[in-house]
Amino acid sequence: MRLATNLAIIFVIGLLIGGLTAQFAIQRTFGVGAISAGVWSAWPFVGGAEVDPYTAARSTVDGAIPLGAAEGLAFETLKDDQGNALLRECNYVLYGNTPAARFWTLTAYDLSGNVIKSADGTVAAVYSGTLVRAPDSSSRVTVSDQPGSGNWMRLEGKGTFKFVLRLYDTPITSSAGLSEPELLRLQKLECV
């Protein structure tokens, strides 16, 4: 009886340690083949047969439907350019150019993977087709709970979040284009 109890305790401890390390590996590992551009990271092979098991598990846990290599590429960030966590109670500005793409979207998500919406149901997102651009084709998007001039994304509430920048029909998904692309810079302004 004592042997069975000891084996059961060892089995439970093994399950707990294994589960915790697997959870840590899925949430903290960004996978083999990730490409980075400043604070942005993307996994070009997450939708294909070449995906590593940790990235596939992370995608499954997140409930995300990855873009295939022929569709585009999704970059995400949890931090601003200074390395600080993104907070909904702060205002931000995203500025600069994006790689060549048929169109792109920028969306704010909570850390559970849900799109952030304002009290009136407006989704915290912008897309390239509605942006006002500078003469050099760069764009500037202010992210705040108060309306601003130019391009503005409404973001309300409190807590951490992430930005996801999806580039559709872009050449950087080909193996020839996996060098570091130029993406939007992300600067924190003031916090309320």
N, C-alpha and C. Protein backbone atom coordinates (compact mmCIF):
# COMPACT_ATOMS: atom_id res chain seq x y z
N MET A 1 0.82 -1.19 0.00
CA MET A 1 0.00 0.00 0.00
C MET A 1 0.87 1.26 0.00
N ARG A 2 1.94 1.20 0.79
CA ARG A 2 2.82 2.35 0.87
C ARG A 2 3.48 2.63 -0.47
N LEU A 3 3.86 1.58 -1.20
CA LEU A 3 4.48 1.72 -2.52
C LEU A 3 3.50 2.38 -3.49
N ALA A 4 2.25 1.99 -3.45
CA ALA A 4 1.23 2.59 -4.33
C ALA A 4 1.02 4.06 -4.00
N THR A 5 1.01 4.41 -2.74
CA THR A 5 0.85 5.81 -2.32
C THR A 5 2.04 6.64 -2.79
N ASN A 6 3.25 6.12 -2.58
CA ASN A 6 4.45 6.83 -3.02
C ASN A 6 4.46 7.02 -4.54
N LEU A 7 4.08 5.99 -5.27
CA LEU A 7 4.01 6.10 -6.73
C LEU A 7 2.97 7.12 -7.17
N ALA A 8 1.84 7.15 -6.48
CA ALA A 8 0.80 8.13 -6.81
C ALA A 8 1.29 9.55 -6.54
N ILE A 9 1.99 9.75 -5.44
CA ILE A 9 2.53 11.08 -5.12
C ILE A 9 3.56 11.49 -6.16
N ILE A 10 4.45 10.60 -6.53
CA ILE A 10 5.46 10.89 -7.56
C ILE A 10 4.78 11.20 -8.89
N PHE A 11 3.75 10.46 -9.22
CA PHE A 11 3.02 10.69 -10.47
C PHE A 11 2.36 12.07 -10.48
N VAL A 12 1.72 12.45 -9.38
CA VAL A 12 1.07 13.77 -9.28
C VAL A 12 2.10 14.89 -9.35
N ILE A 13 3.22 14.74 -8.65
CA ILE A 13 4.28 15.75 -8.69
C ILE A 13 4.83 15.87 -10.12
N GLY A 14 5.04 14.75 -10.78
CA GLY A 14 5.51 14.76 -12.16
C GLY A 14 4.54 15.46 -13.10
N LEU A 15 3.25 15.20 -12.92
CA LEU A 15 2.24 15.87 -13.75
C LEU A 15 2.24 17.37 -13.51
N LEU A 16 2.33 17.79 -12.25
CA LEU A 16 2.34 19.22 -11.93
C LEU A 16 3.57 19.90 -12.52
N ILE A 17 4.74 19.32 -12.32
CA ILE A 17 5.97 19.92 -12.85
C ILE A 17 5.95 19.92 -14.37
N GLY A 18 5.54 18.84 -14.97
CA GLY A 18 5.45 18.76 -16.43
C GLY A 18 4.45 19.75 -17.00
N GLY A 19 3.30 19.87 -16.35
CA GLY A 19 2.29 20.83 -16.82
C GLY A 19 2.75 22.26 -16.71
N LEU A 20 3.39 22.59 -15.59
CA LEU A 20 3.87 23.96 -15.40
C LEU A 20 4.99 24.31 -16.37
N THR A 21 5.92 23.39 -16.61
CA THR A 21 6.99 23.68 -17.56
C THR A 21 6.48 23.76 -18.99
N ALA A 22 5.50 22.94 -19.32
CA ALA A 22 4.90 23.03 -20.66
C ALA A 22 4.18 24.36 -20.84
N GLN A 23 3.43 24.78 -19.81
CA GLN A 23 2.75 26.08 -19.86
C GLN A 23 3.75 27.22 -20.02
N PHE A 24 4.85 27.16 -19.27
CA PHE A 24 5.90 28.17 -19.36
C PHE A 24 6.50 28.19 -20.77
N ALA A 25 6.80 27.01 -21.31
CA ALA A 25 7.40 26.93 -22.64
C ALA A 25 6.47 27.48 -23.71
N ILE A 26 5.18 27.20 -23.60
CA ILE A 26 4.22 27.68 -24.60
C ILE A 26 4.04 29.18 -24.52
N GLN A 27 3.94 29.72 -23.32
CA GLN A 27 3.68 31.15 -23.16
C GLN A 27 4.93 32.01 -23.31
N ARG A 28 6.09 31.50 -22.99
CA ARG A 28 7.30 32.32 -22.99
C ARG A 28 8.18 32.10 -24.22
N THR A 29 7.96 31.03 -24.96
CA THR A 29 8.80 30.73 -26.11
C THR A 29 8.14 31.29 -27.35
N PHE A 30 8.91 31.96 -28.15
CA PHE A 30 8.38 32.54 -29.37
C PHE A 30 8.65 31.68 -30.58
N GLY A 31 9.23 30.53 -30.38
CA GLY A 31 9.33 29.56 -31.44
C GLY A 31 10.55 29.71 -32.33
N VAL A 32 10.84 28.62 -32.99
CA VAL A 32 11.93 28.59 -33.95
C VAL A 32 11.45 29.28 -35.21
N GLY A 33 12.31 30.08 -35.79
CA GLY A 33 11.95 30.73 -37.04
C GLY A 33 11.23 32.05 -36.88
N ALA A 34 11.15 32.57 -35.66
CA ALA A 34 10.51 33.87 -35.45
C ALA A 34 11.38 34.96 -36.06
N ILE A 35 10.75 35.95 -36.65
CA ILE A 35 11.49 37.10 -37.13
C ILE A 35 11.06 38.31 -36.31
N SER A 36 12.00 39.20 -36.06
CA SER A 36 11.73 40.37 -35.25
C SER A 36 12.10 41.63 -36.01
N ALA A 37 11.36 42.68 -35.71
CA ALA A 37 11.64 44.02 -36.25
C ALA A 37 11.36 44.98 -35.12
N GLY A 38 12.39 45.41 -34.43
CA GLY A 38 12.19 46.25 -33.25
C GLY A 38 11.46 45.45 -32.19
N VAL A 39 10.35 45.98 -31.71
CA VAL A 39 9.58 45.28 -30.67
C VAL A 39 8.57 44.30 -31.25
N TRP A 40 8.44 44.24 -32.56
CA TRP A 40 7.47 43.38 -33.23
C TRP A 40 8.08 42.01 -33.51
N SER A 41 7.28 40.96 -33.37
CA SER A 41 7.70 39.60 -33.69
C SER A 41 6.63 38.91 -34.52
N ALA A 42 7.08 38.06 -35.44
CA ALA A 42 6.15 37.28 -36.27
C ALA A 42 6.71 35.88 -36.46
N TRP A 43 5.83 34.96 -36.75
CA TRP A 43 6.19 33.57 -36.96
C TRP A 43 5.69 33.16 -38.34
N PRO A 44 6.55 33.29 -39.36
CA PRO A 44 6.08 33.07 -40.74
C PRO A 44 5.66 31.65 -41.05
N PHE A 45 6.11 30.68 -40.27
CA PHE A 45 5.78 29.29 -40.59
C PHE A 45 4.68 28.71 -39.70
N VAL A 46 4.03 29.55 -38.88
CA VAL A 46 3.01 29.04 -37.96
C VAL A 46 1.83 28.41 -38.70
N GLY A 47 1.55 28.84 -39.90
CA GLY A 47 0.42 28.29 -40.65
C GLY A 47 0.81 27.20 -41.62
N GLY A 48 2.06 26.72 -41.55
CA GLY A 48 2.52 25.72 -42.51
C GLY A 48 3.01 24.45 -41.84
N ALA A 49 3.51 23.56 -42.68
CA ALA A 49 3.99 22.26 -42.19
C ALA A 49 5.31 22.37 -41.45
N GLU A 50 6.05 23.47 -41.63
CA GLU A 50 7.36 23.62 -41.00
C GLU A 50 7.29 24.17 -39.58
N VAL A 51 6.13 24.36 -39.03
CA VAL A 51 5.98 24.96 -37.70
C VAL A 51 6.57 24.05 -36.63
N ASP A 52 7.26 24.68 -35.65
CA ASP A 52 7.81 23.89 -34.55
C ASP A 52 6.68 23.58 -33.55
N PRO A 53 6.83 22.55 -32.73
CA PRO A 53 5.74 22.14 -31.84
C PRO A 53 5.35 23.19 -30.80
N TYR A 54 6.30 24.01 -30.31
CA TYR A 54 5.98 25.01 -29.30
C TYR A 54 5.13 26.14 -29.89
N THR A 55 5.49 26.57 -31.10
CA THR A 55 4.71 27.61 -31.76
C THR A 55 3.32 27.09 -32.11
N ALA A 56 3.23 25.85 -32.57
CA ALA A 56 1.92 25.26 -32.87
C ALA A 56 1.06 25.17 -31.61
N ALA A 57 1.67 24.78 -30.50
CA ALA A 57 0.92 24.68 -29.24
C ALA A 57 0.49 26.06 -28.77
N ARG A 58 1.36 27.05 -28.91
CA ARG A 58 1.00 28.41 -28.50
C ARG A 58 -0.17 28.93 -29.33
N SER A 59 -0.13 28.69 -30.61
CA SER A 59 -1.22 29.12 -31.49
C SER A 59 -2.52 28.43 -31.11
N THR A 60 -2.44 27.16 -30.75
CA THR A 60 -3.63 26.41 -30.35
C THR A 60 -4.19 26.93 -29.03
N VAL A 61 -3.32 27.18 -28.05
CA VAL A 61 -3.76 27.70 -26.76
C VAL A 61 -4.38 29.08 -26.91
N ASP A 62 -3.76 29.94 -27.75
CA ASP A 62 -4.28 31.29 -27.97
C ASP A 62 -5.61 31.27 -28.72
N GLY A 63 -5.88 30.18 -29.44
CA GLY A 63 -7.10 30.11 -30.24
C GLY A 63 -7.01 30.93 -31.51
N ALA A 64 -5.79 31.28 -31.89
CA ALA A 64 -5.59 32.11 -33.09
C ALA A 64 -5.61 31.25 -34.34
N ILE A 65 -6.18 31.80 -35.39
CA ILE A 65 -6.12 31.15 -36.69
C ILE A 65 -5.01 31.84 -37.47
N PRO A 66 -3.87 31.16 -37.64
CA PRO A 66 -2.74 31.83 -38.28
C PRO A 66 -2.97 32.05 -39.77
N LEU A 67 -2.33 33.12 -40.26
CA LEU A 67 -2.35 33.36 -41.70
C LEU A 67 -1.39 32.39 -42.37
N GLY A 68 -1.78 31.86 -43.52
CA GLY A 68 -0.87 31.04 -44.30
C GLY A 68 0.16 31.93 -44.97
N ALA A 69 1.28 31.34 -45.38
CA ALA A 69 2.36 32.11 -45.98
C ALA A 69 1.89 32.86 -47.23
N ALA A 70 0.95 32.31 -47.95
CA ALA A 70 0.45 32.98 -49.16
C ALA A 70 -0.53 34.11 -48.82
N GLU A 71 -1.08 34.11 -47.61
CA GLU A 71 -2.05 35.13 -47.22
C GLU A 71 -1.40 36.37 -46.64
N GLY A 72 -0.37 36.19 -45.83
CA GLY A 72 0.27 37.34 -45.21
C GLY A 72 1.02 36.94 -43.96
N LEU A 73 1.28 37.94 -43.13
CA LEU A 73 2.09 37.73 -41.94
C LEU A 73 1.56 38.62 -40.82
N ALA A 74 1.48 38.08 -39.61
CA ALA A 74 1.00 38.84 -38.46
C ALA A 74 2.14 39.09 -37.48
N PHE A 75 2.41 40.36 -37.21
CA PHE A 75 3.39 40.76 -36.21
C PHE A 75 2.65 41.16 -34.96
N GLU A 76 3.23 40.89 -33.80
CA GLU A 76 2.61 41.34 -32.56
C GLU A 76 3.66 41.89 -31.61
N THR A 77 3.20 42.74 -30.70
CA THR A 77 4.06 43.28 -29.66
C THR A 77 3.27 43.48 -28.38
N LEU A 78 3.96 43.25 -27.28
CA LEU A 78 3.42 43.49 -25.95
C LEU A 78 4.09 44.68 -25.30
N LYS A 79 5.06 45.31 -26.02
CA LYS A 79 5.87 46.37 -25.44
C LYS A 79 5.97 47.56 -26.38
N ASP A 80 6.25 48.73 -25.78
CA ASP A 80 6.55 49.91 -26.59
C ASP A 80 8.03 49.91 -26.93
N ASP A 81 8.49 50.93 -27.67
CA ASP A 81 9.89 50.98 -28.10
C ASP A 81 10.88 51.09 -26.94
N GLN A 82 10.42 51.51 -25.76
CA GLN A 82 11.30 51.60 -24.60
C GLN A 82 11.31 50.30 -23.79
N GLY A 83 10.55 49.31 -24.22
CA GLY A 83 10.51 48.02 -23.54
C GLY A 83 9.48 47.92 -22.43
N ASN A 84 8.61 48.93 -22.30
CA ASN A 84 7.58 48.91 -21.27
C ASN A 84 6.34 48.16 -21.76
N ALA A 85 5.67 47.47 -20.85
CA ALA A 85 4.44 46.77 -21.19
C ALA A 85 3.39 47.76 -21.67
N LEU A 86 2.59 47.36 -22.65
CA LEU A 86 1.51 48.21 -23.16
C LEU A 86 0.36 48.22 -22.16
N LEU A 87 -0.10 49.41 -21.80
CA LEU A 87 -1.18 49.59 -20.83
C LEU A 87 -2.31 50.37 -21.47
N ARG A 88 -3.54 49.92 -21.27
CA ARG A 88 -4.69 50.58 -21.87
C ARG A 88 -4.92 51.98 -21.31
N GLU A 89 -4.44 52.26 -20.12
CA GLU A 89 -4.63 53.59 -19.54
C GLU A 89 -3.60 54.60 -20.04
N CYS A 90 -2.71 54.18 -20.93
CA CYS A 90 -1.72 55.09 -21.51
C CYS A 90 -2.07 55.41 -22.96
N ASN A 91 -1.57 56.54 -23.43
CA ASN A 91 -1.73 56.94 -24.83
C ASN A 91 -0.46 56.62 -25.58
N TYR A 92 -0.61 56.26 -26.85
CA TYR A 92 0.52 55.86 -27.67
C TYR A 92 0.42 56.52 -29.04
N VAL A 93 1.55 56.55 -29.72
CA VAL A 93 1.56 56.94 -31.12
C VAL A 93 2.39 55.91 -31.87
N LEU A 94 1.83 55.41 -32.96
CA LEU A 94 2.54 54.51 -33.87
C LEU A 94 2.83 55.31 -35.13
N TYR A 95 4.06 55.26 -35.59
CA TYR A 95 4.43 56.09 -36.74
C TYR A 95 5.48 55.39 -37.59
N GLY A 96 5.55 55.80 -38.82
CA GLY A 96 6.56 55.26 -39.74
C GLY A 96 5.92 54.58 -40.93
N ASN A 97 6.69 53.69 -41.54
CA ASN A 97 6.25 52.96 -42.72
C ASN A 97 6.06 51.50 -42.39
N THR A 98 5.35 50.82 -43.25
CA THR A 98 5.19 49.37 -43.15
C THR A 98 5.76 48.76 -44.42
N PRO A 99 6.10 47.48 -44.40
CA PRO A 99 6.57 46.83 -45.62
C PRO A 99 5.48 46.83 -46.69
N ALA A 100 5.88 46.60 -47.91
CA ALA A 100 4.92 46.52 -49.00
C ALA A 100 3.89 45.43 -48.71
N ALA A 101 2.63 45.77 -48.85
CA ALA A 101 1.54 44.82 -48.64
C ALA A 101 0.31 45.36 -49.37
N ARG A 102 -0.56 44.44 -49.79
CA ARG A 102 -1.79 44.90 -50.45
C ARG A 102 -2.58 45.79 -49.50
N PHE A 103 -2.72 45.36 -48.26
CA PHE A 103 -3.27 46.20 -47.19
C PHE A 103 -2.86 45.62 -45.86
N TRP A 104 -3.03 46.40 -44.79
CA TRP A 104 -2.68 45.93 -43.46
C TRP A 104 -3.69 46.42 -42.45
N THR A 105 -3.74 45.70 -41.33
CA THR A 105 -4.62 46.08 -40.22
C THR A 105 -3.79 46.14 -38.94
N LEU A 106 -4.18 47.03 -38.06
CA LEU A 106 -3.58 47.14 -36.74
C LEU A 106 -4.71 47.04 -35.73
N THR A 107 -4.64 46.04 -34.85
CA THR A 107 -5.73 45.77 -33.91
C THR A 107 -5.16 45.60 -32.51
N ALA A 108 -5.90 46.05 -31.51
CA ALA A 108 -5.52 45.87 -30.10
C ALA A 108 -6.30 44.69 -29.52
N TYR A 109 -5.59 43.81 -28.82
CA TYR A 109 -6.17 42.62 -28.20
C TYR A 109 -5.81 42.61 -26.72
N ASP A 110 -6.71 42.05 -25.90
CA ASP A 110 -6.31 41.80 -24.52
C ASP A 110 -5.42 40.55 -24.51
N LEU A 111 -4.84 40.23 -23.38
CA LEU A 111 -3.89 39.12 -23.35
C LEU A 111 -4.57 37.75 -23.44
N SER A 112 -5.89 37.72 -23.39
CA SER A 112 -6.62 36.47 -23.61
C SER A 112 -6.91 36.24 -25.09
N GLY A 113 -6.55 37.20 -25.93
CA GLY A 113 -6.76 37.07 -27.37
C GLY A 113 -8.07 37.65 -27.86
N ASN A 114 -8.78 38.40 -27.01
CA ASN A 114 -10.04 39.02 -27.42
C ASN A 114 -9.79 40.42 -27.96
N VAL A 115 -10.47 40.76 -29.03
CA VAL A 115 -10.37 42.11 -29.58
C VAL A 115 -10.91 43.10 -28.54
N ILE A 116 -10.20 44.20 -28.35
CA ILE A 116 -10.65 45.21 -27.40
C ILE A 116 -11.69 46.10 -28.07
N LYS A 117 -12.81 46.29 -27.39
CA LYS A 117 -13.89 47.14 -27.89
C LYS A 117 -14.17 48.23 -26.87
N SER A 118 -14.63 49.37 -27.38
CA SER A 118 -15.02 50.46 -26.49
C SER A 118 -16.42 50.20 -25.96
N ALA A 119 -16.90 51.06 -25.08
CA ALA A 119 -18.22 50.90 -24.47
C ALA A 119 -19.33 50.86 -25.52
N ASP A 120 -19.15 51.59 -26.63
CA ASP A 120 -20.18 51.59 -27.67
C ASP A 120 -20.00 50.47 -28.70
N GLY A 121 -19.04 49.57 -28.47
CA GLY A 121 -18.82 48.43 -29.35
C GLY A 121 -17.83 48.66 -30.47
N THR A 122 -17.21 49.84 -30.53
CA THR A 122 -16.23 50.13 -31.56
C THR A 122 -14.97 49.30 -31.31
N VAL A 123 -14.50 48.60 -32.34
CA VAL A 123 -13.29 47.79 -32.24
C VAL A 123 -12.07 48.69 -32.28
N ALA A 124 -11.09 48.40 -31.42
CA ALA A 124 -9.83 49.17 -31.39
C ALA A 124 -8.95 48.69 -32.54
N ALA A 125 -9.17 49.28 -33.72
CA ALA A 125 -8.43 48.86 -34.91
C ALA A 125 -8.43 49.97 -35.96
N VAL A 126 -7.43 49.93 -36.80
CA VAL A 126 -7.36 50.78 -37.99
C VAL A 126 -6.84 49.91 -39.13
N TYR A 127 -7.11 50.33 -40.36
CA TYR A 127 -6.52 49.61 -41.48
C TYR A 127 -6.03 50.59 -42.53
N SER A 128 -5.12 50.12 -43.33
CA SER A 128 -4.38 50.98 -44.24
C SER A 128 -5.25 51.72 -45.24
N GLY A 129 -6.39 51.20 -45.58
CA GLY A 129 -7.25 51.82 -46.58
C GLY A 129 -7.90 53.12 -46.14
N THR A 130 -7.94 53.38 -44.84
CA THR A 130 -8.60 54.60 -44.35
C THR A 130 -7.62 55.62 -43.77
N LEU A 131 -6.33 55.33 -43.83
CA LEU A 131 -5.35 56.20 -43.19
C LEU A 131 -5.02 57.43 -44.02
N VAL A 132 -4.79 58.53 -43.33
CA VAL A 132 -4.24 59.73 -43.93
C VAL A 132 -2.72 59.54 -43.85
N ARG A 133 -2.04 59.73 -44.97
CA ARG A 133 -0.60 59.51 -45.02
C ARG A 133 0.15 60.81 -45.29
N ALA A 134 1.40 60.83 -44.86
CA ALA A 134 2.30 61.96 -45.14
C ALA A 134 2.78 61.84 -46.59
N PRO A 135 3.36 62.90 -47.15
CA PRO A 135 3.85 62.83 -48.53
C PRO A 135 4.86 61.71 -48.78
N ASP A 136 5.61 61.29 -47.76
CA ASP A 136 6.58 60.20 -47.94
C ASP A 136 5.95 58.82 -47.73
N SER A 137 4.62 58.73 -47.69
CA SER A 137 3.83 57.51 -47.51
C SER A 137 3.85 56.96 -46.10
N SER A 138 4.49 57.65 -45.17
CA SER A 138 4.47 57.19 -43.78
C SER A 138 3.11 57.52 -43.17
N SER A 139 2.82 56.86 -42.08
CA SER A 139 1.56 57.11 -41.38
C SER A 139 1.83 57.33 -39.90
N ARG A 140 0.86 57.92 -39.25
CA ARG A 140 0.93 58.21 -37.81
C ARG A 140 -0.46 57.93 -37.23
N VAL A 141 -0.51 57.06 -36.23
CA VAL A 141 -1.78 56.70 -35.59
C VAL A 141 -1.67 56.99 -34.10
N THR A 142 -2.56 57.83 -33.59
CA THR A 142 -2.63 58.12 -32.16
C THR A 142 -3.60 57.12 -31.53
N VAL A 143 -3.19 56.52 -30.42
CA VAL A 143 -4.01 55.55 -29.70
C VAL A 143 -4.34 56.15 -28.34
N SER A 144 -5.64 56.38 -28.11
CA SER A 144 -6.05 57.10 -26.91
C SER A 144 -7.54 56.87 -26.68
N ASP A 145 -8.01 57.19 -25.46
CA ASP A 145 -9.45 57.12 -25.21
C ASP A 145 -10.15 58.42 -25.61
N GLN A 146 -9.38 59.46 -25.93
CA GLN A 146 -9.95 60.74 -26.37
C GLN A 146 -9.66 60.95 -27.86
N PRO A 147 -10.62 61.48 -28.61
CA PRO A 147 -10.40 61.70 -30.04
C PRO A 147 -9.21 62.62 -30.30
N GLY A 148 -8.51 62.33 -31.38
CA GLY A 148 -7.38 63.16 -31.78
C GLY A 148 -7.46 63.46 -33.26
N SER A 149 -6.66 64.41 -33.68
CA SER A 149 -6.66 64.75 -35.10
C SER A 149 -5.87 63.70 -35.88
N GLY A 150 -6.15 63.64 -37.15
CA GLY A 150 -5.46 62.66 -37.99
C GLY A 150 -5.99 61.25 -37.75
N ASN A 151 -5.11 60.28 -37.84
CA ASN A 151 -5.47 58.88 -37.64
C ASN A 151 -5.55 58.60 -36.14
N TRP A 152 -6.67 58.03 -35.70
CA TRP A 152 -6.91 57.80 -34.28
C TRP A 152 -7.53 56.44 -34.06
N MET A 153 -7.01 55.71 -33.08
CA MET A 153 -7.58 54.44 -32.64
C MET A 153 -8.08 54.63 -31.22
N ARG A 154 -9.34 54.34 -31.00
CA ARG A 154 -9.93 54.47 -29.66
C ARG A 154 -9.58 53.25 -28.82
N LEU A 155 -9.01 53.50 -27.64
CA LEU A 155 -8.63 52.43 -26.73
C LEU A 155 -9.01 52.85 -25.31
N GLU A 156 -9.95 52.12 -24.72
CA GLU A 156 -10.46 52.44 -23.38
C GLU A 156 -10.11 51.34 -22.40
N GLY A 157 -10.27 51.64 -21.12
CA GLY A 157 -10.12 50.63 -20.09
C GLY A 157 -8.78 50.66 -19.39
N LYS A 158 -8.53 49.59 -18.66
CA LYS A 158 -7.28 49.46 -17.90
C LYS A 158 -6.72 48.06 -18.11
N GLY A 159 -5.42 47.94 -17.91
CA GLY A 159 -4.76 46.64 -18.01
C GLY A 159 -3.84 46.55 -19.21
N THR A 160 -3.14 45.45 -19.28
CA THR A 160 -2.18 45.23 -20.36
C THR A 160 -2.89 44.75 -21.62
N PHE A 161 -2.24 44.96 -22.74
CA PHE A 161 -2.79 44.53 -24.03
C PHE A 161 -1.65 44.32 -25.01
N LYS A 162 -1.99 43.91 -26.22
CA LYS A 162 -1.00 43.76 -27.28
C LYS A 162 -1.55 44.31 -28.58
N PHE A 163 -0.65 44.74 -29.44
CA PHE A 163 -1.00 45.14 -30.80
C PHE A 163 -0.66 43.99 -31.74
N VAL A 164 -1.52 43.77 -32.73
CA VAL A 164 -1.25 42.82 -33.79
C VAL A 164 -1.35 43.58 -35.11
N LEU A 165 -0.26 43.55 -35.87
CA LEU A 165 -0.18 44.19 -37.17
C LEU A 165 -0.16 43.09 -38.22
N ARG A 166 -1.24 42.99 -39.00
CA ARG A 166 -1.34 41.95 -40.03
C ARG A 166 -1.08 42.58 -41.39
N LEU A 167 -0.12 42.02 -42.09
CA LEU A 167 0.22 42.46 -43.45
C LEU A 167 -0.31 41.41 -44.41
N TYR A 168 -1.23 41.79 -45.28
CA TYR A 168 -1.84 40.85 -46.20
C TYR A 168 -1.18 40.95 -47.57
N ASP A 169 -0.92 39.79 -48.15
CA ASP A 169 -0.31 39.70 -49.48
C ASP A 169 0.97 40.53 -49.54
N THR A 170 1.92 40.14 -48.71
CA THR A 170 3.19 40.86 -48.60
C THR A 170 4.35 39.97 -49.05
N PRO A 171 5.34 40.54 -49.72
CA PRO A 171 6.48 39.72 -50.18
C PRO A 171 7.40 39.27 -49.05
N ILE A 172 7.28 39.83 -47.84
CA ILE A 172 8.21 39.41 -46.78
C ILE A 172 7.91 38.02 -46.25
N THR A 173 6.82 37.39 -46.70
CA THR A 173 6.54 36.02 -46.28
C THR A 173 7.31 35.01 -47.11
N SER A 174 7.88 35.44 -48.22
CA SER A 174 8.69 34.52 -49.01
C SER A 174 10.03 34.33 -48.32
N SER A 175 10.70 33.25 -48.60
CA SER A 175 11.98 32.97 -47.93
C SER A 175 13.02 34.03 -48.28
N ALA A 176 12.88 34.70 -49.39
CA ALA A 176 13.84 35.73 -49.77
C ALA A 176 13.65 37.00 -48.98
N GLY A 177 12.50 37.16 -48.34
CA GLY A 177 12.22 38.42 -47.67
C GLY A 177 12.21 38.35 -46.16
N LEU A 178 12.90 37.38 -45.57
CA LEU A 178 12.85 37.21 -44.13
C LEU A 178 13.88 38.04 -43.37
N SER A 179 14.50 38.99 -44.04
CA SER A 179 15.37 39.91 -43.31
C SER A 179 14.48 40.85 -42.50
N GLU A 180 15.07 41.60 -41.59
CA GLU A 180 14.28 42.45 -40.70
C GLU A 180 13.57 43.55 -41.47
N PRO A 181 12.23 43.52 -41.50
CA PRO A 181 11.48 44.55 -42.21
C PRO A 181 11.35 45.82 -41.37
N GLU A 182 11.00 46.91 -42.04
CA GLU A 182 10.75 48.16 -41.34
C GLU A 182 9.28 48.18 -40.93
N LEU A 183 9.03 48.35 -39.64
CA LEU A 183 7.66 48.38 -39.13
C LEU A 183 7.40 49.66 -38.37
N LEU A 184 6.15 49.85 -37.99
CA LEU A 184 5.76 51.05 -37.24
C LEU A 184 6.50 51.13 -35.91
N ARG A 185 6.95 52.31 -35.57
CA ARG A 185 7.55 52.58 -34.26
C ARG A 185 6.42 52.80 -33.28
N LEU A 186 6.65 52.52 -32.01
CA LEU A 186 5.60 52.58 -30.99
C LEU A 186 6.10 53.36 -29.79
N GLN A 187 5.59 54.57 -29.62
CA GLN A 187 6.03 55.45 -28.55
C GLN A 187 4.91 55.69 -27.55
N LYS A 188 5.23 55.54 -26.27
CA LYS A 188 4.26 55.84 -25.21
C LYS A 188 4.26 57.34 -25.00
N LEU A 189 3.05 57.90 -24.85
CA LEU A 189 2.91 59.32 -24.56
C LEU A 189 2.67 59.46 -23.07
N GLU A 190 1.47 59.87 -22.66
CA GLU A 190 1.19 60.03 -21.22
C GLU A 190 0.20 58.96 -20.78
N CYS A 191 0.18 58.73 -19.48
CA CYS A 191 -0.76 57.77 -18.88
C CYS A 191 -1.72 58.55 -17.97
N VAL A 192 -2.96 58.06 -17.89
CA VAL A 192 -3.96 58.73 -17.05
C VAL A 192 -4.17 57.95 -15.76
